Amino acid sequence: MKTNLKIDDPIEVKSNSSTGSPPKHTNGTSTAMPIYGYDDVEDEIQSGEIDRPYNGVFEGPEKTLEVVFRPINGEGRGIYRPSKDTHGKIERIGMRKLGRPELDRLCRRARCTILSSVSNLYLDAYVLSESSLFIYPYSVILKTCGTTTLLRCVATLIELGRRVGLEIDWLGYSRKNFNFPWDQSFPHESFHQELEYLSSHRSLSERLDGNGYTLGPVTSDHWFVFVADHTKRMSNNDDIDRVLNIMMFDIDQDIAKYFYYNEYEQKREDETEDEAVERISREQTKRARIDTLCPGYAIDPRAFEPCGYSMNAILFRSYTTMHITPEDGSSYASFETNQQVASYDALIHNVVRAFKPKRFVMTLMADEDGVKQMKDIPFNGAASKGSFLVPFSKGTNSKKMIYKRSSVASISVEDDCMCMMGNWTLQDASEDNPRSHKTRGYSVS
C-alpha cells in the first residue's frame, strides 16, 4: 500500500492523514513457505515486504477477526459504564489504553495503515487503508481486504492484551471464499493454510484451540469460519453479540461512478490536500445517500484516489462500516453493523436498494441470546419465502428488483455462537429459470 501517511501522528478523536492511495494497490508476501513452528520473529522475516503490482482486479470481500478479552486475574469483566474525567476526556480502559504506536504496529502486521479515527464513550473506530479497526475496552474487531495478512495480527493482539492485563477469552475469524485466491499471500492462500497457521504457530497454538467450519455450497459463494472459545462469552456488558454483514457484487455502474475521485471538483485554491480529501469524502457520502443508512451516527468517511471509498460510523456501543470497490469487473460494496434491532428487513432493503447489485451474500454471527431477540431472521423459512422485493425509482418509472435466495446454511459452533449465511441473486423477470445465473465451478479457497 503506497501512502504518505505519517504513522507516528498522535491519536485524536478524529484526524485525517494526507491523501492515501486507493485500496487496490496492496502489498504481497512471499509464498510456498513452511509454516510449522513459526514464532513472531521468523514470521516477520520470512513473510517479507514485497509490493505486488495491481493486476486490474481487487479482492473486495474482507477478512474479519474479532478477539474478546478477559482480565488475566480471572475476575469477570462486569458491566462497563463509560465516563469522562473532570477535563472531559474519554475514560480509556482495557484495550482502549493502547496508544497510536501500538496500533500502528498491529496494522503493519496486516499490511495496512490508519488513515482517520472517530471515538465516543464506548469505542474507537479507525478507517484503514484496507478497511477498518474497532476497539472496545474488552474486544477488538479488525477487517482487512485485498491481499492483507490479517491473521498475522493475532500474536500481536495477544501481546498487546497482556500489556493491559488481558488475555483471550474468545476469538472468531471469518471470510467469504476469495474471488481471486491466486493473489493472496501467506498465510491466506487457502482456508486450510489459515487453519494450519493458527494451529502451528508457536505463539498461538496453545491459546487458540478452536475449530474451522464451511457454510454454503462449494460450487458457489460460501463462508469460512474459525472460532476458539475459551469460556462462554459473558452477557450484560459491551461484547459484540450480533454482527450482520451484506457483501454486494457487481453493483450498478451508475452508482459505482459516485466513488471515482475525478467525478468531483479537485483541490480548490483555498484547500489543503487533507481538506480536499475530507470534502470529497463527504460529497461521496451524500451523493450515494450512505448517511441515510445510519441516521444519527457519527460518520468518518474516506474517499480514495483514483477510486474507492470506506466509512465508519458509531452511535453509543454500535458501529456500522462500509467499503466500496467500484472497478468494473470486480465492483463490490460491503455493509456491516452490530446494531441491535428486532428485524433487519428494512435495513437490508435500504442497503441493497442503495447499490443495486446483481447478487449479494449475507452473513450473521450472533450468540444465542442475540438470535432470540430477533423476530425476523432472513435466513429462515422455505426457499420460496427467501426473496427480497426491493422498490426503486429510475427516472419517472418505479420498478422492483427481485432477489431470489439460492442457498442458505447455518451452524452452531463452540458454546453459544450461531453462524448463518445465504446467497441472493437478482431475478430477471423475463427469464423462467432463475438458476441460469448461478455461479458454477468449485471454489474452496
Protein backbone atom coordinates (compact mmCIF):
# COMPACT_ATOMS: atom_id res chain seq x y z
CA MET A 1 0.00 0.00 0.00
CA LYS A 2 1.54 3.29 -1.06
CA THR A 3 0.64 6.15 1.26
CA ASN A 4 2.25 9.28 2.61
CA LEU A 5 0.57 8.81 5.99
CA LYS A 6 2.78 9.58 8.98
CA ILE A 7 2.28 6.66 11.32
CA ASP A 8 3.76 8.48 14.30
CA ASP A 9 0.93 11.04 14.44
CA PRO A 10 -0.68 11.20 17.91
CA ILE A 11 -4.14 9.72 18.37
CA GLU A 12 -7.02 12.20 18.23
CA VAL A 13 -10.77 11.94 18.49
CA LYS A 14 -10.82 12.49 14.73
CA SER A 15 -7.88 13.02 12.42
CA ASN A 16 -7.16 12.72 8.73
CA SER A 17 -3.90 11.99 7.00
CA SER A 18 -2.79 13.27 3.66
CA THR A 19 -4.21 11.60 0.61
CA GLY A 20 -3.81 7.83 0.60
CA SER A 21 -3.71 5.63 -2.45
CA PRO A 22 -6.73 3.55 -3.46
CA PRO A 23 -7.25 0.22 -1.75
CA LYS A 24 -6.29 -1.64 -4.90
CA HIS A 25 -2.54 -1.09 -4.56
CA THR A 26 -1.77 -3.72 -1.93
CA ASN A 27 1.31 -5.35 -0.53
CA GLY A 28 2.02 -9.01 -1.12
CA THR A 29 4.26 -11.51 0.59
CA SER A 30 6.32 -14.45 -0.49
CA THR A 31 4.54 -17.78 -0.79
CA ALA A 32 5.27 -21.52 -0.65
CA MET A 33 6.93 -21.38 2.75
CA PRO A 34 6.76 -23.90 5.59
CA ILE A 35 4.51 -22.83 8.44
CA TYR A 36 5.27 -25.29 11.20
CA GLY A 37 6.96 -23.91 14.29
CA TYR A 38 6.78 -20.22 13.42
CA ASP A 39 7.39 -17.64 16.06
CA ASP A 40 6.84 -13.92 15.62
CA VAL A 41 10.39 -13.11 14.55
CA GLU A 42 10.55 -15.86 11.93
CA ASP A 43 7.10 -14.92 10.68
CA GLU A 44 8.10 -11.28 10.29
CA ILE A 45 11.32 -12.06 8.45
CA GLN A 46 10.19 -14.87 6.16
CA SER A 47 6.92 -13.24 5.15
CA GLY A 48 8.84 -10.33 3.69
CA GLU A 49 7.62 -6.94 2.44
CA ILE A 50 7.12 -7.31 -1.30
CA ASP A 51 4.99 -4.90 -3.33
CA ARG A 52 2.72 -6.70 -5.76
CA PRO A 53 1.67 -4.83 -8.91
CA TYR A 54 -2.02 -4.17 -9.45
CA ASN A 55 -3.38 -6.67 -11.99
CA GLY A 56 -6.68 -4.97 -12.81
CA VAL A 57 -8.87 -6.63 -10.16
CA PHE A 58 -9.24 -6.23 -6.42
CA GLU A 59 -10.38 -8.67 -3.72
CA GLY A 60 -13.15 -6.64 -2.11
CA PRO A 61 -14.64 -9.13 0.42
CA GLU A 62 -12.99 -8.63 3.78
CA LYS A 63 -11.28 -10.97 6.19
CA THR A 64 -12.71 -10.33 9.68
CA LEU A 65 -11.03 -11.00 13.01
CA GLU A 66 -12.78 -10.48 16.35
CA VAL A 67 -11.00 -11.06 19.64
CA VAL A 68 -12.73 -10.79 23.04
CA PHE A 69 -10.56 -10.42 26.14
CA ARG A 70 -10.90 -11.04 29.88
CA PRO A 71 -8.73 -9.91 32.83
CA ILE A 72 -5.74 -12.18 33.41
CA ASN A 73 -6.60 -12.39 37.11
CA GLY A 74 -9.69 -14.38 36.14
CA GLU A 75 -12.23 -11.93 37.50
CA GLY A 76 -15.30 -11.19 35.41
CA ARG A 77 -15.43 -8.04 33.36
CA GLY A 78 -18.73 -6.94 34.85
CA ILE A 79 -20.74 -4.15 33.29
CA TYR A 80 -18.63 -1.42 31.75
CA ARG A 81 -20.11 2.02 32.38
CA PRO A 82 -18.05 4.60 30.48
CA SER A 83 -17.46 8.06 31.82
CA LYS A 84 -15.43 11.20 31.27
CA ASP A 85 -12.95 12.71 33.66
CA THR A 86 -13.16 16.27 35.00
CA HIS A 87 -11.43 17.58 31.87
CA GLY A 88 -13.97 15.98 29.54
CA LYS A 89 -11.61 13.30 28.25
CA ILE A 90 -12.89 9.81 27.46
CA GLU A 91 -12.11 7.19 30.09
CA ARG A 92 -9.93 4.55 28.45
CA ILE A 93 -9.69 1.11 29.99
CA GLY A 94 -8.62 -2.28 28.69
CA MET A 95 -7.60 -2.33 25.03
CA ARG A 96 -8.53 1.34 24.68
CA LYS A 97 -5.42 2.16 26.72
CA LEU A 98 -3.24 1.24 23.76
CA GLY A 99 -1.53 4.19 22.10
CA ARG A 100 -1.05 5.02 18.45
CA PRO A 101 2.41 3.36 18.20
CA GLU A 102 0.95 0.03 19.39
CA LEU A 103 -1.97 0.29 16.96
CA ASP A 104 0.36 1.18 14.08
CA ARG A 105 2.43 -1.89 14.87
CA LEU A 106 -0.70 -4.04 14.88
CA CYS A 107 -1.79 -2.69 11.48
CA ARG A 108 1.65 -3.18 9.96
CA ARG A 109 1.30 -6.91 10.68
CA ALA A 110 -1.74 -6.91 8.39
CA ARG A 111 -0.06 -4.61 5.82
CA CYS A 112 -2.33 -1.62 6.28
CA THR A 113 -2.22 1.82 7.91
CA ILE A 114 -4.54 4.05 9.93
CA LEU A 115 -5.99 6.97 7.96
CA SER A 116 -8.50 8.56 10.34
CA SER A 117 -10.46 7.88 13.51
CA VAL A 118 -13.61 8.74 15.42
CA SER A 119 -14.37 7.96 19.09
CA ASN A 120 -17.14 8.10 21.65
CA LEU A 121 -17.56 6.92 25.24
CA TYR A 122 -17.79 3.27 24.21
CA LEU A 123 -15.36 2.62 21.35
CA ASP A 124 -12.71 3.89 18.96
CA ALA A 125 -13.20 3.36 15.21
CA TYR A 126 -10.34 3.64 12.72
CA VAL A 127 -10.59 3.84 8.95
CA LEU A 128 -7.68 1.89 7.49
CA SER A 129 -6.02 1.93 4.11
CA GLU A 130 -7.62 -1.52 3.73
CA SER A 131 -10.92 -1.46 5.72
CA SER A 132 -11.50 -0.84 9.45
CA LEU A 133 -10.44 -1.36 13.07
CA PHE A 134 -12.79 -1.11 16.08
CA ILE A 135 -11.55 -1.13 19.65
CA TYR A 136 -13.74 -1.62 22.71
CA PRO A 137 -12.39 -1.99 26.26
CA TYR A 138 -12.58 -5.80 26.06
CA SER A 139 -12.78 -6.57 22.36
CA VAL A 140 -11.12 -5.74 19.05
CA ILE A 141 -12.61 -6.13 15.57
CA LEU A 142 -10.24 -5.86 12.62
CA LYS A 143 -11.38 -6.06 8.99
CA THR A 144 -9.00 -6.02 6.05
CA CYS A 145 -9.49 -6.60 2.34
CA GLY A 146 -7.28 -7.16 -0.70
CA THR A 147 -4.14 -9.20 -0.12
CA THR A 148 -3.65 -8.19 3.51
CA THR A 149 -2.25 -10.66 6.06
CA LEU A 150 -4.82 -10.32 8.82
CA LEU A 151 -4.03 -13.46 10.83
CA ARG A 152 -0.50 -12.24 11.45
CA CYS A 153 -2.12 -9.76 13.87
CA VAL A 154 -3.25 -12.43 16.33
CA ALA A 155 0.08 -12.90 18.09
CA THR A 156 0.47 -9.13 18.40
CA LEU A 157 -3.04 -8.82 19.85
CA ILE A 158 -2.16 -11.44 22.46
CA GLU A 159 0.94 -9.48 23.43
CA LEU A 160 -0.80 -6.09 23.50
CA GLY A 161 -3.63 -7.55 25.57
CA ARG A 162 -1.16 -8.78 28.19
CA ARG A 163 0.32 -5.29 28.41
CA VAL A 164 -3.02 -4.02 29.70
CA GLY A 165 -3.73 -7.07 31.88
CA LEU A 166 -5.97 -9.02 29.48
CA GLU A 167 -5.95 -12.45 27.85
CA ILE A 168 -8.02 -14.01 25.07
CA ASP A 169 -11.50 -15.15 26.05
CA TRP A 170 -12.97 -15.74 22.56
CA LEU A 171 -11.66 -15.47 19.00
CA GLY A 172 -13.53 -15.56 15.71
CA TYR A 173 -12.12 -15.35 12.19
CA SER A 174 -14.29 -15.41 9.08
CA ARG A 175 -14.27 -14.61 5.37
CA LYS A 176 -16.04 -15.43 2.15
CA ASN A 177 -14.23 -17.62 -0.36
CA PHE A 178 -11.88 -15.50 -2.44
CA ASN A 179 -12.75 -14.34 -5.94
CA PHE A 180 -9.04 -14.18 -6.82
CA PRO A 181 -7.36 -16.70 -4.50
CA TRP A 182 -4.14 -16.76 -6.53
CA ASP A 183 -3.45 -13.15 -5.44
CA GLN A 184 -3.40 -13.94 -1.72
CA SER A 185 -0.28 -14.14 0.41
CA PHE A 186 0.80 -16.39 3.25
CA PRO A 187 -0.97 -17.34 5.44
CA HIS A 188 -4.12 -16.68 3.41
CA GLU A 189 -3.58 -18.74 0.27
CA SER A 190 -6.33 -21.16 1.38
CA PHE A 191 -8.54 -21.79 4.39
CA HIS A 192 -6.54 -24.94 5.09
CA GLN A 193 -3.37 -22.84 5.28
CA GLU A 194 -5.07 -20.36 7.61
CA LEU A 195 -6.06 -23.18 9.97
CA GLU A 196 -2.55 -24.63 9.80
CA TYR A 197 -1.10 -21.25 10.65
CA LEU A 198 -3.29 -20.87 13.73
CA SER A 199 -2.65 -24.41 14.94
CA SER A 200 1.11 -24.47 14.26
CA HIS A 201 2.35 -21.02 15.20
CA ARG A 202 4.32 -21.34 18.44
CA SER A 203 2.85 -18.12 19.83
CA LEU A 204 -0.71 -19.08 19.02
CA SER A 205 -1.35 -22.82 19.13
CA GLU A 206 -1.59 -23.24 22.91
CA ARG A 207 -4.06 -20.36 23.18
CA LEU A 208 -6.29 -20.98 20.17
CA ASP A 209 -7.73 -24.45 20.45
CA GLY A 210 -10.62 -23.84 18.05
CA ASN A 211 -12.34 -25.33 15.02
CA GLY A 212 -12.94 -24.32 11.42
CA TYR A 213 -16.23 -24.54 9.52
CA THR A 214 -17.53 -24.02 5.96
CA LEU A 215 -21.05 -22.75 5.34
CA GLY A 216 -22.72 -22.75 1.96
CA PRO A 217 -22.20 -24.52 -1.39
CA VAL A 218 -18.61 -25.09 -2.50
CA THR A 219 -19.81 -24.62 -6.10
CA SER A 220 -20.83 -21.03 -5.34
CA ASP A 221 -20.25 -18.35 -2.72
CA HIS A 222 -19.55 -19.80 0.71
CA TRP A 223 -18.28 -18.64 4.10
CA PHE A 224 -15.35 -19.85 6.18
CA VAL A 225 -15.47 -19.51 9.98
CA PHE A 226 -12.94 -20.30 12.72
CA VAL A 227 -13.94 -19.98 16.39
CA ALA A 228 -11.85 -20.55 19.52
CA ASP A 229 -13.97 -20.28 22.65
CA HIS A 230 -12.07 -20.48 25.95
CA THR A 231 -15.05 -19.57 28.12
CA LYS A 232 -18.66 -18.75 27.46
CA ARG A 233 -18.98 -15.14 26.43
CA MET A 234 -20.49 -13.04 29.19
CA SER A 235 -23.70 -11.10 28.78
CA ASN A 236 -24.72 -7.67 30.10
CA ASN A 237 -21.53 -5.97 29.01
CA ASP A 238 -20.07 -4.42 25.87
CA ASP A 239 -19.36 -7.64 23.98
CA ILE A 240 -20.35 -7.75 20.32
CA ASP A 241 -23.06 -10.38 20.24
CA ARG A 242 -24.62 -9.89 16.81
CA VAL A 243 -22.93 -8.85 13.55
CA LEU A 244 -24.73 -8.62 10.19
CA ASN A 245 -22.65 -8.42 7.02
CA ILE A 246 -24.00 -7.77 3.49
CA MET A 247 -21.48 -8.34 0.68
CA MET A 248 -22.72 -7.00 -2.66
CA PHE A 249 -21.20 -7.87 -6.03
CA ASP A 250 -21.50 -6.28 -9.49
CA ILE A 251 -23.03 -3.09 -8.17
CA ASP A 252 -24.90 -0.76 -10.52
CA GLN A 253 -22.32 1.07 -12.66
CA ASP A 254 -24.16 4.40 -12.41
CA ILE A 255 -23.78 4.13 -8.63
CA ALA A 256 -20.19 2.90 -8.89
CA LYS A 257 -19.27 6.17 -10.62
CA TYR A 258 -20.03 8.03 -7.40
CA PHE A 259 -16.85 6.57 -5.93
CA TYR A 260 -14.38 7.78 -8.56
CA TYR A 261 -12.30 10.68 -7.31
CA ASN A 262 -12.28 12.58 -10.63
CA GLU A 263 -16.09 12.81 -10.59
CA TYR A 264 -15.71 15.67 -8.10
CA GLU A 265 -14.12 19.10 -8.09
CA GLN A 266 -10.46 18.63 -7.32
CA LYS A 267 -8.39 20.62 -4.83
CA ARG A 268 -9.58 24.18 -4.59
CA GLU A 269 -7.27 27.16 -4.20
CA ASP A 270 -8.27 27.70 -0.58
CA GLU A 271 -7.91 24.00 0.39
CA THR A 272 -5.09 21.85 1.61
CA GLU A 273 -4.77 18.29 0.31
CA ASP A 274 -6.31 16.97 3.52
CA GLU A 275 -9.25 19.36 3.27
CA ALA A 276 -9.90 18.34 -0.34
CA VAL A 277 -9.96 14.66 0.62
CA GLU A 278 -12.33 15.39 3.51
CA ARG A 279 -14.68 17.41 1.28
CA ILE A 280 -14.80 14.82 -1.50
CA SER A 281 -15.34 12.10 1.10
CA ARG A 282 -18.37 13.96 2.43
CA GLU A 283 -19.67 14.59 -1.10
CA GLN A 284 -19.46 10.89 -1.98
CA THR A 285 -21.28 10.02 1.25
CA LYS A 286 -24.14 12.40 0.44
CA ARG A 287 -24.37 11.56 -3.24
CA ALA A 288 -24.65 7.82 -2.57
CA ARG A 289 -27.00 8.50 0.39
CA ILE A 290 -24.80 6.47 2.66
CA ASP A 291 -25.60 8.81 5.55
CA THR A 292 -29.27 7.72 5.37
CA LEU A 293 -28.26 4.12 6.12
CA CYS A 294 -27.03 5.04 9.60
CA PRO A 295 -29.05 8.04 10.82
CA GLY A 296 -27.79 9.69 13.98
CA TYR A 297 -24.35 8.08 13.74
CA ALA A 298 -21.06 9.98 13.82
CA ILE A 299 -19.67 9.23 10.34
CA ASP A 300 -15.99 9.12 9.38
CA PRO A 301 -15.80 8.74 5.55
CA ARG A 302 -12.76 8.33 3.34
CA ALA A 303 -12.53 8.71 -0.44
CA PHE A 304 -9.58 7.16 -2.26
CA GLU A 305 -7.80 8.35 -5.37
CA PRO A 306 -8.39 7.35 -8.15
CA CYS A 307 -11.36 5.34 -6.80
CA GLY A 308 -12.71 3.55 -3.74
CA TYR A 309 -14.45 4.51 -0.51
CA SER A 310 -14.50 3.49 3.15
CA MET A 311 -16.68 4.63 6.03
CA ASN A 312 -17.02 4.01 9.74
CA ALA A 313 -19.99 5.24 11.76
CA ILE A 314 -20.57 4.89 15.52
CA LEU A 315 -23.51 5.50 17.85
CA PHE A 316 -23.26 4.54 21.52
CA ARG A 317 -21.98 0.90 21.50
CA SER A 318 -22.86 0.25 17.85
CA TYR A 319 -20.75 0.55 14.72
CA THR A 320 -21.55 0.48 11.03
CA THR A 321 -18.89 0.20 8.36
CA MET A 322 -18.91 0.25 4.57
CA HIS A 323 -16.22 -0.42 1.98
CA ILE A 324 -16.65 0.06 -1.76
CA THR A 325 -14.52 -1.04 -4.69
CA PRO A 326 -16.13 0.40 -7.85
CA GLU A 327 -13.90 -1.02 -10.60
CA ASP A 328 -15.81 -2.65 -13.43
CA GLY A 329 -15.10 -6.37 -13.35
CA SER A 330 -14.61 -6.52 -9.57
CA SER A 331 -17.12 -3.99 -8.24
CA TYR A 332 -18.08 -4.65 -4.65
CA ALA A 333 -19.73 -2.95 -1.69
CA SER A 334 -19.95 -4.24 1.87
CA PHE A 335 -22.13 -3.14 4.76
CA GLU A 336 -21.54 -4.45 8.28
CA THR A 337 -23.14 -3.49 11.57
CA ASN A 338 -23.53 -4.77 15.11
CA GLN A 339 -26.57 -2.62 15.92
CA GLN A 340 -29.25 -4.41 17.90
CA VAL A 341 -32.62 -4.38 16.14
CA ALA A 342 -35.52 -6.82 16.26
CA SER A 343 -35.69 -7.03 12.46
CA TYR A 344 -33.09 -6.25 9.81
CA ASP A 345 -35.57 -6.35 6.91
CA ALA A 346 -35.86 -2.58 6.39
CA LEU A 347 -32.12 -2.10 6.74
CA ILE A 348 -31.34 -4.88 4.25
CA HIS A 349 -33.80 -3.43 1.73
CA ASN A 350 -32.30 0.06 2.07
CA VAL A 351 -28.73 -1.17 1.70
CA VAL A 352 -29.46 -3.32 -1.36
CA ARG A 353 -31.51 -0.54 -2.97
CA ALA A 354 -28.61 1.88 -2.49
CA PHE A 355 -26.24 -0.26 -4.60
CA LYS A 356 -28.48 -2.45 -6.81
CA PRO A 357 -26.02 -5.38 -7.00
CA LYS A 358 -26.53 -8.36 -9.28
CA ARG A 359 -26.00 -10.65 -6.30
CA PHE A 360 -25.25 -10.43 -2.61
CA VAL A 361 -24.08 -12.69 0.20
CA MET A 362 -25.36 -12.08 3.71
CA THR A 363 -23.93 -13.47 6.94
CA LEU A 364 -24.92 -13.23 10.59
CA MET A 365 -22.78 -14.22 13.57
CA ALA A 366 -24.50 -14.00 16.93
CA ASP A 367 -24.75 -15.60 20.33
CA GLU A 368 -27.91 -17.46 21.26
CA ASP A 369 -29.35 -14.52 23.21
CA GLY A 370 -28.80 -12.25 20.21
CA VAL A 371 -30.70 -14.63 17.92
CA LYS A 372 -33.57 -14.96 20.40
CA GLN A 373 -34.04 -11.18 20.39
CA MET A 374 -34.74 -11.17 16.64
CA LYS A 375 -38.33 -11.53 15.46
CA ASP A 376 -37.43 -11.78 11.75
CA ILE A 377 -34.44 -13.79 10.53
CA PRO A 378 -33.87 -13.55 6.75
CA PHE A 379 -32.13 -16.93 6.68
CA ASN A 380 -35.18 -18.82 7.96
CA GLY A 381 -38.17 -20.19 6.06
CA ALA A 382 -38.69 -22.06 2.81
CA ALA A 383 -36.80 -21.06 -0.32
CA SER A 384 -40.00 -19.63 -1.78
CA LYS A 385 -40.08 -17.15 1.12
CA GLY A 386 -36.45 -16.19 0.73
CA SER A 387 -36.99 -13.40 -1.80
CA PHE A 388 -36.41 -9.70 -1.32
CA LEU A 389 -38.59 -7.28 -3.29
CA VAL A 390 -36.67 -4.00 -3.45
CA PRO A 391 -38.50 -1.00 -4.96
CA PHE A 392 -36.55 1.77 -6.63
CA SER A 393 -37.18 4.67 -8.96
CA LYS A 394 -35.32 5.29 -12.21
CA GLY A 395 -36.36 8.47 -13.91
CA THR A 396 -40.14 8.66 -13.88
CA ASN A 397 -40.55 4.88 -13.60
CA SER A 398 -41.00 2.98 -10.38
CA LYS A 399 -39.67 -0.57 -10.53
CA LYS A 400 -38.95 -3.52 -8.29
CA MET A 401 -35.87 -5.65 -8.06
CA ILE A 402 -36.47 -9.24 -7.04
CA TYR A 403 -33.61 -11.03 -5.29
CA LYS A 404 -34.09 -14.78 -5.04
CA ARG A 405 -32.37 -16.74 -2.29
CA SER A 406 -30.42 -19.56 -3.92
CA SER A 407 -28.89 -21.15 -0.81
CA VAL A 408 -28.85 -20.84 2.97
CA ALA A 409 -26.76 -22.51 5.68
CA SER A 410 -26.47 -22.25 9.45
CA ILE A 411 -24.47 -23.91 12.18
CA SER A 412 -23.97 -23.66 15.93
CA VAL A 413 -20.28 -23.53 16.80
CA GLU A 414 -18.39 -23.93 20.07
CA ASP A 415 -20.51 -22.99 23.09
CA ASP A 416 -23.19 -20.49 22.08
CA CYS A 417 -22.17 -18.95 18.75
CA MET A 418 -24.61 -19.15 15.82
CA CYS A 419 -23.41 -18.62 12.25
CA MET A 420 -25.79 -18.12 9.30
CA MET A 421 -25.20 -17.28 5.65
CA GLY A 422 -27.21 -17.07 2.45
CA ASN A 423 -26.83 -16.19 -1.23
CA TRP A 424 -29.27 -13.97 -3.12
CA THR A 425 -29.29 -13.33 -6.90
CA LEU A 426 -31.12 -10.65 -8.87
CA GLN A 427 -34.02 -12.32 -10.69
CA ASP A 428 -34.59 -11.32 -14.30
CA ALA A 429 -38.37 -11.28 -14.63
CA SER A 430 -38.10 -12.14 -18.33
CA GLU A 431 -36.41 -15.44 -17.63
CA ASP A 432 -38.13 -18.58 -16.42
CA ASN A 433 -35.05 -20.21 -14.93
CA PRO A 434 -33.60 -18.21 -12.04
CA ARG A 435 -30.75 -20.71 -11.66
CA SER A 436 -29.32 -19.71 -15.03
CA HIS A 437 -27.28 -17.01 -13.25
CA LYS A 438 -25.83 -19.36 -10.66
CA THR A 439 -22.07 -19.24 -10.34
CA ARG A 440 -20.58 -22.56 -11.44
CA GLY A 441 -17.28 -24.22 -10.62
CA TYR A 442 -15.67 -25.35 -7.41
CA SER A 443 -14.05 -22.85 -5.08
CA VAL A 444 -12.61 -23.86 -1.72
CA SER A 445 -10.03 -21.09 -1.25
